[in-house]
Protein backbone atom coordinates (compact mmCIF):
# COMPACT_ATOMS: atom_id res chain seq x y z
CA MET A 1 28.52 -3.11 20.11
CA THR A 2 26.82 -1.52 23.10
CA PRO A 3 23.89 -3.27 24.89
CA TYR A 4 21.52 -0.58 23.57
CA ALA A 5 22.79 -1.05 19.94
CA HIS A 6 22.37 -4.81 20.23
CA LYS A 7 18.82 -4.49 21.58
CA LYS A 8 18.00 -2.01 18.87
CA GLN A 9 19.27 -4.35 16.28
CA GLN A 10 17.37 -7.30 17.78
CA LEU A 11 14.17 -5.27 17.83
CA TYR A 12 14.40 -4.35 14.17
CA LEU A 13 15.08 -8.00 13.22
CA VAL A 14 12.12 -9.30 15.17
CA LEU A 15 9.71 -6.73 13.76
CA SER A 16 11.10 -7.29 10.29
CA GLY A 17 10.64 -10.97 10.50
CA ILE A 18 7.03 -10.61 11.72
CA PHE A 19 6.42 -8.22 8.83
CA LEU A 20 8.07 -10.44 6.23
CA VAL A 21 6.47 -13.69 7.20
CA ASN A 22 2.92 -12.28 7.32
CA SER A 23 3.36 -10.40 4.14
CA LEU A 24 4.42 -13.64 2.36
CA LEU A 25 1.60 -15.62 3.86
CA ALA A 26 -0.99 -12.97 2.91
CA GLU A 27 0.20 -13.04 -0.70
CA ILE A 28 0.10 -16.85 -1.00
CA ILE A 29 -3.31 -17.38 0.59
CA GLY A 30 -4.82 -14.33 -1.04
CA VAL A 31 -5.92 -16.36 -4.10
CA LYS A 32 -8.87 -17.74 -2.15
CA ILE A 33 -12.04 -15.67 -1.99
CA PHE A 34 -14.37 -16.68 0.82
CA SER A 35 -17.89 -15.85 1.92
CA ALA A 36 -17.90 -13.33 4.77
CA ASP A 37 -21.54 -14.06 5.17
CA ARG A 38 -21.04 -17.78 5.90
CA LEU A 39 -18.10 -17.13 8.20
CA MET A 40 -19.09 -13.92 10.19
CA GLY A 41 -22.62 -13.18 9.04
CA LEU A 42 -21.46 -10.12 7.20
CA PRO A 43 -22.39 -9.17 3.53
CA GLY A 44 -19.84 -9.59 0.74
CA ASN A 45 -16.68 -11.67 -0.06
CA LEU A 46 -13.16 -11.32 1.19
CA THR A 47 -9.83 -12.46 -0.04
CA ALA A 48 -8.18 -14.83 2.59
CA GLY A 49 -5.16 -12.57 2.64
CA VAL A 50 -7.01 -9.90 4.49
CA LEU A 51 -7.26 -12.09 7.59
CA ILE A 52 -3.54 -11.53 8.40
CA TRP A 53 -2.96 -8.08 6.60
CA PRO A 54 -3.80 -6.34 9.91
CA VAL A 55 -0.65 -7.85 11.41
CA VAL A 56 1.29 -6.48 8.50
CA PHE A 57 0.17 -2.89 8.81
CA VAL A 58 0.33 -2.80 12.55
CA THR A 59 3.88 -4.06 12.31
CA THR A 60 4.55 -1.41 9.64
CA ASP A 61 3.40 1.34 12.06
CA ILE A 62 5.52 -0.01 14.93
CA ILE A 63 8.61 -0.22 12.64
CA ASN A 64 7.88 3.40 11.44
CA GLU A 65 7.52 4.56 15.07
CA TYR A 66 10.97 3.34 16.10
CA PHE A 67 12.98 3.20 12.83
CA GLY A 68 11.33 5.85 10.66
CA LYS A 69 10.25 5.83 7.07
CA ALA A 70 13.61 4.55 5.94
CA GLY A 71 13.28 1.52 8.27
CA VAL A 72 9.84 0.66 6.76
CA LEU A 73 10.95 1.16 3.14
CA ARG A 74 14.05 -0.92 3.64
CA ILE A 75 12.16 -4.05 4.83
CA SER A 76 9.30 -3.41 2.29
CA TYR A 77 11.71 -3.34 -0.68
CA LEU A 78 13.47 -6.46 0.68
CA THR A 79 10.00 -8.15 0.99
CA VAL A 80 9.13 -7.27 -2.55
CA VAL A 81 12.30 -9.04 -3.84
CA LEU A 82 11.67 -12.06 -1.64
CA LEU A 83 8.02 -12.23 -2.78
CA LEU A 84 9.21 -12.33 -6.38
CA PHE A 85 11.59 -15.06 -5.48
CA ALA A 86 8.91 -17.04 -3.55
CA PHE A 87 6.50 -16.74 -6.49
CA GLY A 88 9.23 -17.86 -8.91
CA VAL A 89 10.14 -20.92 -6.85
CA ILE A 90 6.42 -21.85 -6.46
CA TYR A 91 5.77 -21.47 -10.16
CA LEU A 92 8.71 -23.79 -10.98
CA THR A 93 7.34 -26.47 -8.69
CA THR A 94 4.07 -26.36 -10.66
CA LYS A 95 6.06 -27.24 -13.79
CA LEU A 96 7.60 -30.40 -12.31
CA PRO A 97 6.13 -33.60 -13.82
CA PRO A 98 3.90 -35.33 -11.29
CA ALA A 99 4.75 -38.86 -10.16
CA ASP A 100 2.31 -41.44 -11.43
CA PHE A 101 1.74 -43.08 -8.03
CA TRP A 102 0.90 -39.62 -6.55
CA LEU A 103 -1.74 -39.12 -9.14
CA ASP A 104 -3.10 -42.54 -8.57
CA VAL A 105 -3.46 -42.44 -4.91
CA ASN A 106 -5.13 -39.09 -5.08
CA LYS A 107 -7.37 -39.79 -8.08
CA ALA A 108 -10.56 -39.46 -6.14
CA ASP A 109 -11.87 -37.25 -3.34
CA ASP A 110 -13.50 -38.47 -0.15
CA GLN A 111 -16.79 -39.00 -1.89
CA GLY A 112 -15.25 -40.98 -4.78
CA ARG A 113 -15.52 -38.23 -7.40
CA PRO A 114 -12.67 -38.03 -9.89
CA PHE A 115 -9.92 -35.73 -8.71
CA ASN A 116 -6.67 -34.41 -10.38
CA ILE A 117 -4.43 -33.43 -7.53
CA ASP A 118 -1.71 -31.95 -9.90
CA TYR A 119 -4.30 -29.71 -11.55
CA ALA A 120 -5.56 -28.62 -8.08
CA TYR A 121 -1.93 -27.90 -7.01
CA GLN A 122 -1.36 -25.78 -10.11
CA SER A 123 -4.71 -24.00 -9.70
CA ILE A 124 -3.86 -22.96 -6.12
CA PHE A 125 -0.20 -22.03 -6.46
CA ARG A 126 0.24 -21.04 -10.08
CA GLN A 127 -1.43 -17.70 -9.44
CA GLY A 128 -0.51 -16.31 -12.72
CA LEU A 129 1.13 -13.09 -13.89
CA GLY A 130 -1.91 -11.04 -13.13
CA ILE A 131 -2.16 -11.88 -9.41
CA ILE A 132 1.54 -11.69 -8.93
CA THR A 133 1.70 -8.22 -10.71
CA GLY A 134 -1.26 -6.96 -8.83
CA SER A 135 0.05 -8.23 -5.49
CA ILE A 136 3.48 -6.69 -5.87
CA VAL A 137 2.31 -3.34 -7.25
CA ALA A 138 -0.37 -2.97 -4.55
CA PHE A 139 2.04 -3.99 -1.85
CA GLY A 140 4.79 -1.57 -2.96
CA VAL A 141 2.40 1.32 -3.48
CA GLY A 142 0.62 0.65 -0.17
CA GLN A 143 3.81 0.53 1.88
CA VAL A 144 5.28 3.74 0.36
CA LEU A 145 1.93 5.55 1.10
CA ASP A 146 1.65 4.16 4.60
CA ALA A 147 5.30 5.09 5.47
CA THR A 148 4.96 8.58 4.02
CA ILE A 149 1.58 9.41 5.58
CA PHE A 150 2.67 8.11 8.99
CA ALA A 151 5.81 10.31 8.92
CA THR A 152 3.77 13.34 7.70
CA ILE A 153 1.23 13.03 10.50
CA ARG A 154 3.87 12.41 13.14
CA LYS A 155 5.67 15.64 12.00
CA ALA A 156 2.44 17.64 11.94
CA THR A 157 1.39 16.55 15.45
CA GLY A 158 4.81 16.80 17.00
CA GLY A 159 4.97 13.15 17.80
CA ARG A 160 1.75 12.98 19.65
CA TYR A 161 -1.41 10.93 18.98
CA ILE A 162 0.15 7.68 17.85
CA TRP A 163 -3.43 6.38 17.19
CA LEU A 164 -4.02 9.08 14.59
CA ARG A 165 -0.86 8.59 12.55
CA ALA A 166 -1.21 4.79 12.79
CA THR A 167 -4.83 4.70 11.82
CA GLY A 168 -4.70 7.54 9.34
CA SER A 169 -1.77 6.06 7.43
CA THR A 170 -3.45 2.62 7.31
CA LEU A 171 -6.78 3.81 6.20
CA VAL A 172 -5.36 5.71 3.23
CA SER A 173 -2.72 3.19 2.14
CA GLN A 174 -5.15 0.22 2.41
CA LEU A 175 -7.80 2.03 0.40
CA VAL A 176 -5.38 2.11 -2.44
CA ASP A 177 -4.04 -1.41 -1.84
CA SER A 178 -7.41 -3.06 -1.59
CA PHE A 179 -8.52 -1.70 -5.02
CA VAL A 180 -5.18 -1.95 -6.86
CA VAL A 181 -4.51 -5.57 -6.17
CA LEU A 182 -7.94 -6.72 -7.30
CA TYR A 183 -8.05 -4.34 -10.34
CA VAL A 184 -4.69 -5.34 -11.73
CA ALA A 185 -5.06 -9.11 -10.88
CA PHE A 186 -8.69 -9.77 -11.72
CA TYR A 187 -9.83 -7.04 -13.98
CA VAL A 188 -6.79 -6.14 -16.16
CA PHE A 189 -5.44 -9.76 -16.33
CA GLY A 190 -8.43 -11.68 -15.26
CA ASN A 191 -12.10 -12.07 -16.11
CA TRP A 192 -13.83 -10.14 -13.29
CA THR A 193 -16.22 -7.22 -14.03
CA MET A 194 -15.55 -3.83 -12.50
CA ASP A 195 -18.58 -4.36 -10.28
CA GLN A 196 -17.03 -7.52 -8.86
CA VAL A 197 -13.77 -5.75 -8.25
CA VAL A 198 -15.35 -2.83 -6.46
CA SER A 199 -17.61 -5.12 -4.44
CA VAL A 200 -14.75 -7.34 -3.08
CA ALA A 201 -12.38 -4.39 -2.71
CA ASN A 202 -15.01 -2.50 -0.75
CA THR A 203 -15.60 -5.44 1.68
CA ASN A 204 -11.78 -5.97 2.01
CA TYR A 205 -11.25 -2.31 2.82
CA TRP A 206 -13.96 -2.06 5.48
CA TYR A 207 -12.64 -5.14 7.10
CA LYS A 208 -9.15 -3.52 7.23
CA PHE A 209 -10.75 -0.31 8.43
CA ALA A 210 -12.34 -2.13 11.41
CA ALA A 211 -9.23 -4.04 12.08
CA ALA A 212 -7.08 -0.92 12.16
CA VAL A 213 -9.40 0.66 14.79
CA LEU A 214 -9.68 -2.45 16.81
CA LEU A 215 -5.95 -3.12 16.88
CA THR A 216 -4.98 0.35 18.08
CA PRO A 217 -4.49 -0.96 21.67
CA VAL A 218 -1.89 -3.38 20.18
CA LEU A 219 0.27 -0.23 19.28
CA TYR A 220 0.16 1.00 22.83
CA LEU A 221 0.93 -2.44 24.20
CA ALA A 222 3.89 -2.58 21.78
CA HIS A 223 5.07 0.81 23.08
CA TYR A 224 4.90 -0.43 26.66
CA LEU A 225 6.79 -3.58 25.88
CA ILE A 226 9.53 -1.80 23.87
CA ASP A 227 9.83 0.82 26.61
CA LYS A 228 10.43 -2.12 29.10
CA TYR A 229 12.95 -3.81 26.66
CA LEU A 230 14.95 -0.81 25.66
CA GLY A 231 14.40 1.52 28.67
CA LYS A 232 12.37 4.75 28.52
CA GLU A 233 15.28 7.07 27.82
CA GLU A 234 16.65 4.84 25.03
CA THR A 235 13.14 4.46 23.63
CA SER A 236 12.61 8.25 23.55
CA GLU A 237 16.00 8.62 21.81
CA LEU A 238 15.07 5.97 19.18
CA GLN A 239 11.80 7.72 18.45
CA GLN A 240 13.47 11.08 17.99
CA GLU A 241 15.91 9.42 15.55
CA ALA A 242 13.04 7.73 13.79
CA ALA A 243 11.26 11.07 13.42
CA ALA A 244 14.41 12.48 11.92
CA ASP A 245 14.74 9.38 9.79
CA ILE A 246 18.28 8.58 11.06
CA SER A 247 17.59 5.51 13.21
CA VAL A 248 18.65 2.93 10.68
């Protein structure tokens, strides 16, 4: 393997690792809904998962820039499989019989109120078929849309304006993702009203919108660092392969 091929492989592995870990974390912590007003003084509520989704879609755009649509879809499909595996393992742990001493030493909270730690564990981790289905569907659809729109804009602009293809692809894909996950998880399978779905989805989306714009400099920083790592000529070659979807 040539030094360039080795560096190219290492780059894809690092980016894929960042993408995979943050995708998994976002899905697991997404069950919590928190008050944006109490945290940031902004109206509405957000799912905890949106706090690190910006890392996911920025990484998606970087992978697309250097490894093309095929590179994004490859790690996206692998992530879907691993998410299903993770949800499966977590679900099985909720079915394990709790140890009596564990229940006893955790039978009250800090204020002395009765507390069932096994019930709490199950409530947090046993997200249910609805949330799992909504998460997987939204993730899959969002990633395919993001990769496709990014590639389309790159082709239309001749590879110029990275900010346009990165931001444009994210804004469209996350509009779909923000609504689909909540609609499937909490409306179809849950007990939310459509107004609640739209309200939280709207807040989530505008957070992602702001994050996509604010994180644009990260894309240019990534370009600079990758240029330094691979070399400008090699980077240019890799981008041309990505545009033709033959880099992986």
